[in-house]
Amino acid sequence: MSRRDPSSHTAAGISASAIADAALAIIRADGVAGLTMRSVAERLEVRAPSLYHHVRNKDELLDVVARNAFDQFAADLTAYDELHTVDDWIAVTIAGSLELRDFYADHPGLAGLIQAKATPDRDQGEGSRAELIRAQIRSLVHLGVPEPQARAIFEICAHWTLAAVVAEPTTPDRFSDGLDLFMDGVRARLNELLAT
């Protein structure tokens, strides 16, 4: 059986975003461990073979989730494009990290999945995850941070957030306090970079 190009999902009535939404609903109810190809097909009200026509296996399904899990963060894209100072970037990033922490808390096991799927080139692909990463890096570059350092700062922030969520999934106050301390260091680093 030949597999369709991902752009043909829509023609068949199944988009990558719809597949991700169905998978996220299952993860929210049953955790990543409860996610199966059959459960996604049932949620989409299609036969399992129809889903396999678009997503070959569970690993590919997890890739679709990782790429498209951040559709609800579209407002952050706009916020990152409207920044004028380091403090603006810090404020938007803190707000986004707190929202992301709540999102991960509502989807057991998702932070670990995203952490496992983290690659240095993940901003080069399609999907809401890549768009959000590009917006964060682009905003730092717009502020005057050289692109290599902007990428490094993004990576450090993303890894800290994921690691903190995975380590302390049920303690939002500790996450918030740690985030404030961490972002104080990021602010200092950004101000150093911009002063040189």
Protein backbone atom coordinates (compact mmCIF):
# COMPACT_ATOMS: atom_id res chain seq x y z
CA MET A 1 0.00 0.00 0.00
CA SER A 2 1.47 3.38 -0.97
CA ARG A 3 1.28 6.14 1.57
CA ARG A 4 -0.20 9.49 0.63
CA ASP A 5 1.63 12.76 0.77
CA PRO A 6 0.72 14.52 4.08
CA SER A 7 -0.95 17.29 2.07
CA SER A 8 -3.56 14.76 0.95
CA HIS A 9 -4.86 14.37 4.54
CA THR A 10 -7.23 17.26 3.93
CA ALA A 11 -8.52 15.80 0.67
CA ALA A 12 -9.49 12.65 2.54
CA GLY A 13 -11.07 14.65 5.37
CA ILE A 14 -8.24 14.10 7.84
CA SER A 15 -5.69 16.85 8.45
CA ALA A 16 -2.51 16.60 10.49
CA SER A 17 -4.07 19.12 12.86
CA ALA A 18 -7.22 16.97 13.25
CA ILE A 19 -5.09 13.89 13.93
CA ALA A 20 -3.08 15.83 16.54
CA ASP A 21 -6.25 17.20 18.15
CA ALA A 22 -7.73 13.72 18.42
CA ALA A 23 -4.49 12.35 19.86
CA LEU A 24 -4.25 15.22 22.38
CA ALA A 25 -7.81 14.55 23.55
CA ILE A 26 -6.86 10.93 24.18
CA ILE A 27 -3.63 11.94 25.94
CA ARG A 28 -5.60 14.35 28.12
CA ALA A 29 -7.96 11.54 29.18
CA ASP A 30 -5.57 8.56 29.30
CA GLY A 31 -2.01 9.89 29.08
CA VAL A 32 0.49 9.12 26.34
CA ALA A 33 0.41 5.48 27.41
CA GLY A 34 -3.28 5.31 26.44
CA LEU A 35 -2.70 6.63 22.91
CA THR A 36 -3.22 4.03 20.19
CA MET A 37 -3.84 4.18 16.46
CA ARG A 38 -7.24 2.57 17.01
CA SER A 39 -8.29 5.11 19.65
CA VAL A 40 -7.35 8.00 17.33
CA ALA A 41 -9.26 6.43 14.44
CA GLU A 42 -12.32 5.98 16.67
CA ARG A 43 -12.10 9.59 17.86
CA LEU A 44 -11.90 10.79 14.24
CA GLU A 45 -14.78 8.46 13.36
CA VAL A 46 -12.81 6.73 10.62
CA ARG A 47 -11.77 3.14 10.20
CA ALA A 48 -8.29 2.26 11.45
CA PRO A 49 -7.05 1.47 7.91
CA SER A 50 -8.01 5.01 6.87
CA LEU A 51 -5.80 6.42 9.60
CA TYR A 52 -2.94 4.08 8.66
CA HIS A 53 -3.20 5.52 5.17
CA HIS A 54 -2.11 8.89 6.64
CA VAL A 55 0.01 7.86 9.64
CA ARG A 56 1.97 4.62 9.29
CA ASN A 57 2.44 3.72 12.94
CA LYS A 58 2.38 5.01 16.49
CA ASP A 59 5.85 6.55 16.21
CA GLU A 60 4.73 8.60 13.23
CA LEU A 61 1.55 9.49 15.14
CA LEU A 62 3.70 10.77 18.01
CA ASP A 63 5.69 12.85 15.50
CA VAL A 64 2.44 14.42 14.24
CA VAL A 65 1.45 15.21 17.84
CA ALA A 66 4.86 16.73 18.59
CA ARG A 67 4.72 18.92 15.45
CA ASN A 68 1.13 20.09 15.89
CA ALA A 69 0.50 20.13 19.64
CA PHE A 70 0.87 23.88 19.99
CA ASP A 71 -2.01 25.20 17.88
CA GLN A 72 -3.55 26.80 20.97
CA PHE A 73 -0.46 28.99 21.39
CA ALA A 74 -1.13 30.98 18.21
CA ALA A 75 -1.58 34.17 20.26
CA ASP A 76 2.04 33.84 21.42
CA LEU A 77 3.16 34.11 17.79
CA THR A 78 1.65 37.57 17.57
CA ALA A 79 3.05 38.59 20.95
CA TYR A 80 6.58 37.62 19.93
CA ASP A 81 6.28 39.70 16.75
CA GLU A 82 5.36 42.81 18.77
CA LEU A 83 8.29 42.88 21.23
CA HIS A 84 10.56 45.90 21.63
CA THR A 85 12.75 45.13 24.66
CA VAL A 86 14.41 42.26 26.50
CA ASP A 87 11.92 42.75 29.32
CA ASP A 88 9.07 42.33 26.80
CA TRP A 89 10.65 39.05 25.62
CA ILE A 90 11.08 37.84 29.19
CA ALA A 91 7.45 38.70 30.08
CA VAL A 92 6.02 36.94 27.00
CA THR A 93 8.27 33.92 27.55
CA ILE A 94 7.31 33.63 31.23
CA ALA A 95 3.61 33.87 30.39
CA GLY A 96 4.01 31.29 27.62
CA SER A 97 6.02 28.95 29.87
CA LEU A 98 3.34 29.08 32.57
CA GLU A 99 0.66 28.38 29.97
CA LEU A 100 2.77 25.58 28.54
CA ARG A 101 3.25 24.08 32.00
CA ASP A 102 -0.53 23.98 32.46
CA PHE A 103 -0.95 22.46 28.99
CA TYR A 104 1.56 19.71 29.81
CA ALA A 105 -0.08 19.11 33.19
CA ASP A 106 -3.38 18.54 31.38
CA HIS A 107 -1.75 16.06 28.98
CA PRO A 108 0.11 13.43 31.07
CA GLY A 109 3.30 12.23 29.44
CA LEU A 110 3.27 14.85 26.68
CA ALA A 111 6.23 16.83 28.08
CA GLY A 112 8.36 13.68 28.05
CA LEU A 113 7.27 12.97 24.47
CA ILE A 114 8.12 16.50 23.34
CA GLN A 115 11.45 16.28 25.15
CA ALA A 116 12.22 12.99 23.39
CA LYS A 117 11.31 14.52 20.00
CA ALA A 118 13.42 17.67 20.54
CA THR A 119 15.95 18.08 17.73
CA PRO A 120 18.11 21.10 16.89
CA ASP A 121 16.35 21.59 13.53
CA ARG A 122 12.76 21.35 14.75
CA ASP A 123 12.08 24.96 13.75
CA GLN A 124 12.70 24.06 10.09
CA GLY A 125 9.62 21.87 9.67
CA GLU A 126 5.90 22.39 9.45
CA GLY A 127 3.35 22.63 12.22
CA SER A 128 2.56 24.83 15.18
CA ARG A 129 5.65 23.76 17.13
CA ALA A 130 8.03 24.94 14.38
CA GLU A 131 6.08 28.20 13.97
CA LEU A 132 6.31 28.99 17.68
CA ILE A 133 10.04 28.18 17.79
CA ARG A 134 10.67 30.41 14.76
CA ALA A 135 8.72 33.26 16.38
CA GLN A 136 10.74 33.02 19.60
CA ILE A 137 14.09 32.96 17.79
CA ARG A 138 13.07 35.66 15.29
CA SER A 139 12.01 37.99 18.11
CA LEU A 140 15.42 37.69 19.78
CA VAL A 141 17.17 38.37 16.48
CA HIS A 142 14.92 41.40 15.97
CA LEU A 143 16.04 42.71 19.37
CA GLY A 144 19.66 42.49 18.19
CA VAL A 145 20.75 39.08 19.50
CA PRO A 146 22.92 37.28 16.90
CA GLU A 147 21.07 34.27 15.49
CA PRO A 148 23.41 31.57 16.90
CA GLN A 149 23.01 33.00 20.41
CA ALA A 150 19.25 33.47 19.89
CA ARG A 151 18.95 29.77 18.98
CA ALA A 152 21.07 28.76 21.97
CA ILE A 153 18.97 30.86 24.37
CA PHE A 154 15.77 29.41 22.92
CA GLU A 155 17.13 25.85 23.32
CA ILE A 156 18.19 26.47 26.91
CA CYS A 157 14.78 27.96 27.80
CA ALA A 158 12.91 25.12 26.07
CA HIS A 159 14.99 22.44 27.77
CA TRP A 160 14.62 24.06 31.19
CA THR A 161 10.84 24.29 30.81
CA LEU A 162 10.47 20.68 29.67
CA ALA A 163 12.83 19.34 32.31
CA ALA A 164 11.07 21.30 35.06
CA VAL A 165 7.65 20.03 33.97
CA VAL A 166 8.85 16.43 33.73
CA ALA A 167 10.58 16.65 37.14
CA GLU A 168 7.74 18.45 38.98
CA PRO A 169 4.48 17.87 37.09
CA THR A 170 2.21 18.54 40.08
CA THR A 171 3.86 21.53 41.76
CA PRO A 172 2.95 24.71 39.84
CA ASP A 173 4.24 27.07 42.55
CA ARG A 174 7.72 25.55 42.49
CA PHE A 175 7.69 25.72 38.70
CA SER A 176 6.72 29.41 38.78
CA ASP A 177 9.37 30.28 41.38
CA GLY A 178 12.04 28.37 39.47
CA LEU A 179 10.98 30.00 36.21
CA ASP A 180 11.38 33.47 37.73
CA LEU A 181 14.88 32.64 38.98
CA PHE A 182 15.85 31.04 35.68
CA MET A 183 14.54 33.96 33.62
CA ASP A 184 16.51 36.42 35.78
CA GLY A 185 19.62 34.67 34.50
CA VAL A 186 18.33 34.71 30.90
CA ARG A 187 17.60 38.45 31.18
CA ALA A 188 21.15 39.08 32.42
CA ARG A 189 22.62 37.03 29.54
CA LEU A 190 20.51 38.84 26.94
CA ASN A 191 21.47 42.24 28.34
CA GLU A 192 25.16 41.20 28.20
CA LEU A 193 24.80 40.12 24.57
CA LEU A 194 23.09 43.35 23.59
CA ALA A 195 25.65 45.50 25.43
CA THR A 196 28.57 44.12 23.38
